[in-house]
Amino acid sequence: GGAVTRLQREKADELFDRLSSLLRD
């Protein structure tokens, strides 16, 4: 779909961080 925006990067990071946090817990 084209160039990646800051918001798209932030969404990906938030999803990853949520999963990582749960696994650390």
PDB file of all heavy atoms in Angstrom:
ATOM      1  N   GLY A   1       0.786  -1.216   0.000  1.00  0.00           N
ATOM      2  CA  GLY A   1       0.000   0.000   0.000  1.00  0.00           C
ATOM      3  C   GLY A   1       0.825   1.277   0.000  1.00  0.00           C
ATOM      4  O   GLY A   1       0.280   2.358   0.008  1.00  0.00           O
ATOM      5  N   GLY A   2       2.154   1.206   0.027  1.00  0.00           N
ATOM      6  CA  GLY A   2       2.953   2.415  -0.067  1.00  0.00           C
ATOM      7  C   GLY A   2       3.869   2.647   1.105  1.00  0.00           C
ATOM      8  O   GLY A   2       4.209   1.732   1.841  1.00  0.00           O
ATOM      9  N   ALA A   3       4.268   3.906   1.277  1.00  0.00           N
ATOM     10  CA  ALA A   3       5.206   4.275   2.340  1.00  0.00           C
ATOM     11  C   ALA A   3       4.557   4.116   3.707  1.00  0.00           C
ATOM     12  O   ALA A   3       3.368   4.344   3.876  1.00  0.00           O
ATOM     13  CB  ALA A   3       5.672   5.703   2.145  1.00  0.00           C
ATOM     14  N   VAL A   4       5.351   3.728   4.673  1.00  0.00           N
ATOM     15  CA  VAL A   4       4.886   3.494   6.035  1.00  0.00           C
ATOM     16  C   VAL A   4       4.912   4.809   6.810  1.00  0.00           C
ATOM     17  O   VAL A   4       5.892   5.545   6.772  1.00  0.00           O
ATOM     18  CB  VAL A   4       5.785   2.458   6.740  1.00  0.00           C
ATOM     19  CG1 VAL A   4       5.398   2.305   8.193  1.00  0.00           C
ATOM     20  CG2 VAL A   4       5.716   1.136   6.019  1.00  0.00           C
ATOM     21  N   THR A   5       3.847   5.073   7.529  1.00  0.00           N
ATOM     22  CA  THR A   5       3.771   6.286   8.337  1.00  0.00           C
ATOM     23  C   THR A   5       4.247   6.015   9.757  1.00  0.00           C
ATOM     24  O   THR A   5       4.362   4.864  10.185  1.00  0.00           O
ATOM     25  CB  THR A   5       2.325   6.814   8.404  1.00  0.00           C
ATOM     26  OG1 THR A   5       1.526   5.876   9.131  1.00  0.00           O
ATOM     27  CG2 THR A   5       1.743   7.023   7.011  1.00  0.00           C
ATOM     28  N   ARG A   6       4.494   7.086  10.480  1.00  0.00           N
ATOM     29  CA  ARG A   6       4.879   6.972  11.891  1.00  0.00           C
ATOM     30  C   ARG A   6       3.792   6.252  12.676  1.00  0.00           C
ATOM     31  O   ARG A   6       4.079   5.399  13.525  1.00  0.00           O
ATOM     32  CB  ARG A   6       5.122   8.370  12.475  1.00  0.00           C
ATOM     33  CG  ARG A   6       5.493   8.365  13.947  1.00  0.00           C
ATOM     34  CD  ARG A   6       5.651   9.765  14.503  1.00  0.00           C
ATOM     35  NE  ARG A   6       4.507  10.631  14.264  1.00  0.00           N
ATOM     36  CZ  ARG A   6       3.403  10.652  15.030  1.00  0.00           C
ATOM     37  NH1 ARG A   6       3.288   9.871  16.058  1.00  0.00           N
ATOM     38  NH2 ARG A   6       2.412  11.483  14.741  1.00  0.00           N
ATOM     39  N   LEU A   7       2.528   6.541  12.386  1.00  0.00           N
ATOM     40  CA  LEU A   7       1.423   5.892  13.101  1.00  0.00           C
ATOM     41  C   LEU A   7       1.391   4.387  12.845  1.00  0.00           C
ATOM     42  O   LEU A   7       1.092   3.603  13.752  1.00  0.00           O
ATOM     43  CB  LEU A   7       0.085   6.533  12.723  1.00  0.00           C
ATOM     44  CG  LEU A   7      -0.121   7.954  13.215  1.00  0.00           C
ATOM     45  CD1 LEU A   7      -1.445   8.516  12.691  1.00  0.00           C
ATOM     46  CD2 LEU A   7      -0.082   8.017  14.732  1.00  0.00           C
ATOM     47  N   GLN A   8       1.697   3.977  11.621  1.00  0.00           N
ATOM     48  CA  GLN A   8       1.742   2.543  11.313  1.00  0.00           C
ATOM     49  C   GLN A   8       2.868   1.863  12.093  1.00  0.00           C
ATOM     50  O   GLN A   8       2.692   0.750  12.593  1.00  0.00           O
ATOM     51  CB  GLN A   8       1.920   2.320   9.815  1.00  0.00           C
ATOM     52  CG  GLN A   8       0.694   2.682   9.006  1.00  0.00           C
ATOM     53  CD  GLN A   8       0.961   2.684   7.528  1.00  0.00           C
ATOM     54  OE1 GLN A   8       1.999   3.188   7.076  1.00  0.00           O
ATOM     55  NE2 GLN A   8       0.040   2.142   6.756  1.00  0.00           N
ATOM     56  N   ARG A   9       4.026   2.532  12.168  1.00  0.00           N
ATOM     57  CA  ARG A   9       5.142   1.959  12.942  1.00  0.00           C
ATOM     58  C   ARG A   9       4.781   1.876  14.417  1.00  0.00           C
ATOM     59  O   ARG A   9       5.068   0.883  15.082  1.00  0.00           O
ATOM     60  CB  ARG A   9       6.408   2.790  12.737  1.00  0.00           C
ATOM     61  CG  ARG A   9       7.016   2.648  11.354  1.00  0.00           C
ATOM     62  CD  ARG A   9       8.403   3.270  11.270  1.00  0.00           C
ATOM     63  NE  ARG A   9       8.440   4.664  11.683  1.00  0.00           N
ATOM     64  CZ  ARG A   9       8.336   5.697  10.858  1.00  0.00           C
ATOM     65  NH1 ARG A   9       8.181   5.495   9.566  1.00  0.00           N
ATOM     66  NH2 ARG A   9       8.404   6.934  11.312  1.00  0.00           N
ATOM     67  N   GLU A  10       4.137   2.918  14.930  1.00  0.00           N
ATOM     68  CA  GLU A  10       3.749   2.924  16.345  1.00  0.00           C
ATOM     69  C   GLU A  10       2.742   1.823  16.648  1.00  0.00           C
ATOM     70  O   GLU A  10       2.823   1.173  17.687  1.00  0.00           O
ATOM     71  CB  GLU A  10       3.173   4.290  16.731  1.00  0.00           C
ATOM     72  CG  GLU A  10       4.232   5.370  16.827  1.00  0.00           C
ATOM     73  CD  GLU A  10       3.651   6.745  17.094  1.00  0.00           C
ATOM     74  OE1 GLU A  10       2.406   6.886  17.184  1.00  0.00           O
ATOM     75  OE2 GLU A  10       4.451   7.692  17.216  1.00  0.00           O
ATOM     76  N   LYS A  11       1.797   1.590  15.744  1.00  0.00           N
ATOM     77  CA  LYS A  11       0.814   0.533  15.954  1.00  0.00           C
ATOM     78  C   LYS A  11       1.507  -0.824  16.022  1.00  0.00           C
ATOM     79  O   LYS A  11       1.223  -1.635  16.910  1.00  0.00           O
ATOM     80  CB  LYS A  11      -0.241   0.519  14.847  1.00  0.00           C
ATOM     81  CG  LYS A  11      -1.230  -0.613  15.024  1.00  0.00           C
ATOM     82  CD  LYS A  11      -2.303  -0.627  13.978  1.00  0.00           C
ATOM     83  CE  LYS A  11      -3.184  -1.848  14.239  1.00  0.00           C
ATOM     84  NZ  LYS A  11      -4.421  -1.817  13.521  1.00  0.00           N
ATOM     85  N   ALA A  12       2.405  -1.083  15.093  1.00  0.00           N
ATOM     86  CA  ALA A  12       3.135  -2.353  15.087  1.00  0.00           C
ATOM     87  C   ALA A  12       3.923  -2.520  16.381  1.00  0.00           C
ATOM     88  O   ALA A  12       3.921  -3.601  16.988  1.00  0.00           O
ATOM     89  CB  ALA A  12       4.072  -2.417  13.884  1.00  0.00           C
ATOM     90  N   ASP A  13       4.571  -1.456  16.819  1.00  0.00           N
ATOM     91  CA  ASP A  13       5.358  -1.522  18.056  1.00  0.00           C
ATOM     92  C   ASP A  13       4.472  -1.752  19.274  1.00  0.00           C
ATOM     93  O   ASP A  13       4.826  -2.522  20.171  1.00  0.00           O
ATOM     94  CB  ASP A  13       6.185  -0.245  18.238  1.00  0.00           C
ATOM     95  CG  ASP A  13       7.283  -0.108  17.191  1.00  0.00           C
ATOM     96  OD1 ASP A  13       7.593  -1.107  16.510  1.00  0.00           O
ATOM     97  OD2 ASP A  13       7.819   1.009  17.059  1.00  0.00           O
ATOM     98  N   GLU A  14       3.307  -1.109  19.312  1.00  0.00           N
ATOM     99  CA  GLU A  14       2.379  -1.299  20.432  1.00  0.00           C
ATOM    100  C   GLU A  14       1.884  -2.745  20.502  1.00  0.00           C
ATOM    101  O   GLU A  14       1.808  -3.333  21.586  1.00  0.00           O
ATOM    102  CB  GLU A  14       1.189  -0.354  20.307  1.00  0.00           C
ATOM    103  CG  GLU A  14       1.524   1.083  20.618  1.00  0.00           C
ATOM    104  CD  GLU A  14       0.371   2.032  20.327  1.00  0.00           C
ATOM    105  OE1 GLU A  14      -0.765   1.566  20.099  1.00  0.00           O
ATOM    106  OE2 GLU A  14       0.621   3.251  20.331  1.00  0.00           O
ATOM    107  N   LEU A  15       1.550  -3.315  19.348  1.00  0.00           N
ATOM    108  CA  LEU A  15       1.088  -4.705  19.316  1.00  0.00           C
ATOM    109  C   LEU A  15       2.191  -5.650  19.798  1.00  0.00           C
ATOM    110  O   LEU A  15       1.947  -6.564  20.591  1.00  0.00           O
ATOM    111  CB  LEU A  15       0.634  -5.076  17.903  1.00  0.00           C
ATOM    112  CG  LEU A  15      -0.617  -4.358  17.399  1.00  0.00           C
ATOM    113  CD1 LEU A  15      -0.808  -4.618  15.905  1.00  0.00           C
ATOM    114  CD2 LEU A  15      -1.847  -4.772  18.192  1.00  0.00           C
ATOM    115  N   PHE A  16       3.398  -5.433  19.318  1.00  0.00           N
ATOM    116  CA  PHE A  16       4.540  -6.257  19.714  1.00  0.00           C
ATOM    117  C   PHE A  16       4.833  -6.091  21.206  1.00  0.00           C
ATOM    118  O   PHE A  16       5.058  -7.076  21.918  1.00  0.00           O
ATOM    119  CB  PHE A  16       5.768  -5.863  18.884  1.00  0.00           C
ATOM    120  CG  PHE A  16       7.009  -6.608  19.265  1.00  0.00           C
ATOM    121  CD1 PHE A  16       7.281  -7.854  18.733  1.00  0.00           C
ATOM    122  CD2 PHE A  16       7.910  -6.071  20.161  1.00  0.00           C
ATOM    123  CE1 PHE A  16       8.436  -8.550  19.081  1.00  0.00           C
ATOM    124  CE2 PHE A  16       9.061  -6.754  20.522  1.00  0.00           C
ATOM    125  CZ  PHE A  16       9.321  -7.993  19.975  1.00  0.00           C
ATOM    126  N   ASP A  17       4.831  -4.836  21.676  1.00  0.00           N
ATOM    127  CA  ASP A  17       5.130  -4.566  23.088  1.00  0.00           C
ATOM    128  C   ASP A  17       4.110  -5.208  24.010  1.00  0.00           C
ATOM    129  O   ASP A  17       4.465  -5.724  25.070  1.00  0.00           O
ATOM    130  CB  ASP A  17       5.201  -3.065  23.350  1.00  0.00           C
ATOM    131  CG  ASP A  17       6.408  -2.407  22.722  1.00  0.00           C
ATOM    132  OD1 ASP A  17       7.344  -3.131  22.311  1.00  0.00           O
ATOM    133  OD2 ASP A  17       6.413  -1.160  22.628  1.00  0.00           O
ATOM    134  N   ARG A  18       2.841  -5.191  23.613  1.00  0.00           N
ATOM    135  CA  ARG A  18       1.793  -5.808  24.445  1.00  0.00           C
ATOM    136  C   ARG A  18       2.047  -7.311  24.571  1.00  0.00           C
ATOM    137  O   ARG A  18       1.995  -7.870  25.670  1.00  0.00           O
ATOM    138  CB  ARG A  18       0.414  -5.538  23.834  1.00  0.00           C
ATOM    139  CG  ARG A  18      -0.714  -6.233  24.518  1.00  0.00           C
ATOM    140  CD  ARG A  18      -1.009  -5.654  25.882  1.00  0.00           C
ATOM    141  NE  ARG A  18      -2.131  -6.348  26.479  1.00  0.00           N
ATOM    142  CZ  ARG A  18      -2.201  -6.685  27.751  1.00  0.00           C
ATOM    143  NH1 ARG A  18      -1.245  -6.345  28.580  1.00  0.00           N
ATOM    144  NH2 ARG A  18      -3.249  -7.342  28.216  1.00  0.00           N
ATOM    145  N   LEU A  19       2.308  -7.972  23.472  1.00  0.00           N
ATOM    146  CA  LEU A  19       2.562  -9.409  23.504  1.00  0.00           C
ATOM    147  C   LEU A  19       3.826  -9.715  24.300  1.00  0.00           C
ATOM    148  O   LEU A  19       3.829 -10.611  25.154  1.00  0.00           O
ATOM    149  CB  LEU A  19       2.678  -9.970  22.085  1.00  0.00           C
ATOM    150  CG  LEU A  19       2.982 -11.461  21.972  1.00  0.00           C
ATOM    151  CD1 LEU A  19       1.921 -12.307  22.690  1.00  0.00           C
ATOM    152  CD2 LEU A  19       3.105 -11.859  20.512  1.00  0.00           C
ATOM    153  N   SER A  20       4.876  -8.970  24.074  1.00  0.00           N
ATOM    154  CA  SER A  20       6.138  -9.186  24.790  1.00  0.00           C
ATOM    155  C   SER A  20       5.962  -9.005  26.292  1.00  0.00           C
ATOM    156  O   SER A  20       6.486  -9.782  27.093  1.00  0.00           O
ATOM    157  CB  SER A  20       7.216  -8.223  24.289  1.00  0.00           C
ATOM    158  OG  SER A  20       7.512  -8.487  22.957  1.00  0.00           O
ATOM    159  N   SER A  21       5.216  -7.991  26.672  1.00  0.00           N
ATOM    160  CA  SER A  21       4.971  -7.726  28.089  1.00  0.00           C
ATOM    161  C   SER A  21       4.226  -8.883  28.741  1.00  0.00           C
ATOM    162  O   SER A  21       4.573  -9.326  29.845  1.00  0.00           O
ATOM    163  CB  SER A  21       4.170  -6.431  28.234  1.00  0.00           C
ATOM    164  OG  SER A  21       3.828  -6.209  29.578  1.00  0.00           O
ATOM    165  N   LEU A  22       3.220  -9.373  28.062  1.00  0.00           N
ATOM    166  CA  LEU A  22       2.463 -10.512  28.607  1.00  0.00           C
ATOM    167  C   LEU A  22       3.353 -11.740  28.773  1.00  0.00           C
ATOM    168  O   LEU A  22       3.274 -12.441  29.786  1.00  0.00           O
ATOM    169  CB  LEU A  22       1.275 -10.832  27.703  1.00  0.00           C
ATOM    170  CG  LEU A  22       0.130  -9.836  27.767  1.00  0.00           C
ATOM    171  CD1 LEU A  22      -0.812 -10.040  26.585  1.00  0.00           C
ATOM    172  CD2 LEU A  22      -0.622  -9.974  29.089  1.00  0.00           C
ATOM    173  N   LEU A  23       4.189 -11.995  27.799  1.00  0.00           N
ATOM    174  CA  LEU A  23       5.065 -13.169  27.886  1.00  0.00           C
ATOM    175  C   LEU A  23       6.101 -13.012  28.996  1.00  0.00           C
ATOM    176  O   LEU A  23       6.433 -13.988  29.664  1.00  0.00           O
ATOM    177  CB  LEU A  23       5.728 -13.427  26.533  1.00  0.00           C
ATOM    178  CG  LEU A  23       4.758 -13.801  25.416  1.00  0.00           C
ATOM    179  CD1 LEU A  23       5.498 -13.950  24.092  1.00  0.00           C
ATOM    180  CD2 LEU A  23       3.966 -15.054  25.749  1.00  0.00           C
ATOM    181  N   ARG A  24       6.585 -11.795  29.210  1.00  0.00           N
ATOM    182  CA  ARG A  24       7.509 -11.564  30.335  1.00  0.00           C
ATOM    183  C   ARG A  24       6.795 -11.783  31.669  1.00  0.00           C
ATOM    184  O   ARG A  24       7.381 -12.299  32.618  1.00  0.00           O
ATOM    185  CB  ARG A  24       8.077 -10.144  30.276  1.00  0.00           C
ATOM    186  CG  ARG A  24       9.221  -9.981  29.312  1.00  0.00           C
ATOM    187  CD  ARG A  24       9.908  -8.642  29.478  1.00  0.00           C
ATOM    188  NE  ARG A  24       9.001  -7.517  29.305  1.00  0.00           N
ATOM    189  CZ  ARG A  24       8.714  -6.944  28.135  1.00  0.00           C
ATOM    190  NH1 ARG A  24       9.253  -7.409  27.033  1.00  0.00           N
ATOM    191  NH2 ARG A  24       7.891  -5.924  28.083  1.00  0.00           N
ATOM    192  N   ASP A  25       5.519 -11.407  31.743  1.00  0.00           N
ATOM    193  CA  ASP A  25       4.741 -11.581  32.968  1.00  0.00           C
ATOM    194  C   ASP A  25       4.537 -13.047  33.339  1.00  0.00           C
ATOM    195  O   ASP A  25       4.196 -13.355  34.474  1.00  0.00           O
ATOM    196  CB  ASP A  25       3.367 -10.909  32.843  1.00  0.00           C
ATOM    197  CG  ASP A  25       3.457  -9.398  32.851  1.00  0.00           C
ATOM    198  OD1 ASP A  25       4.542  -8.853  33.170  1.00  0.00           O
ATOM    199  OD2 ASP A  25       2.437  -8.742  32.526  1.00  0.00           O
TER     200      ASP A  25
END
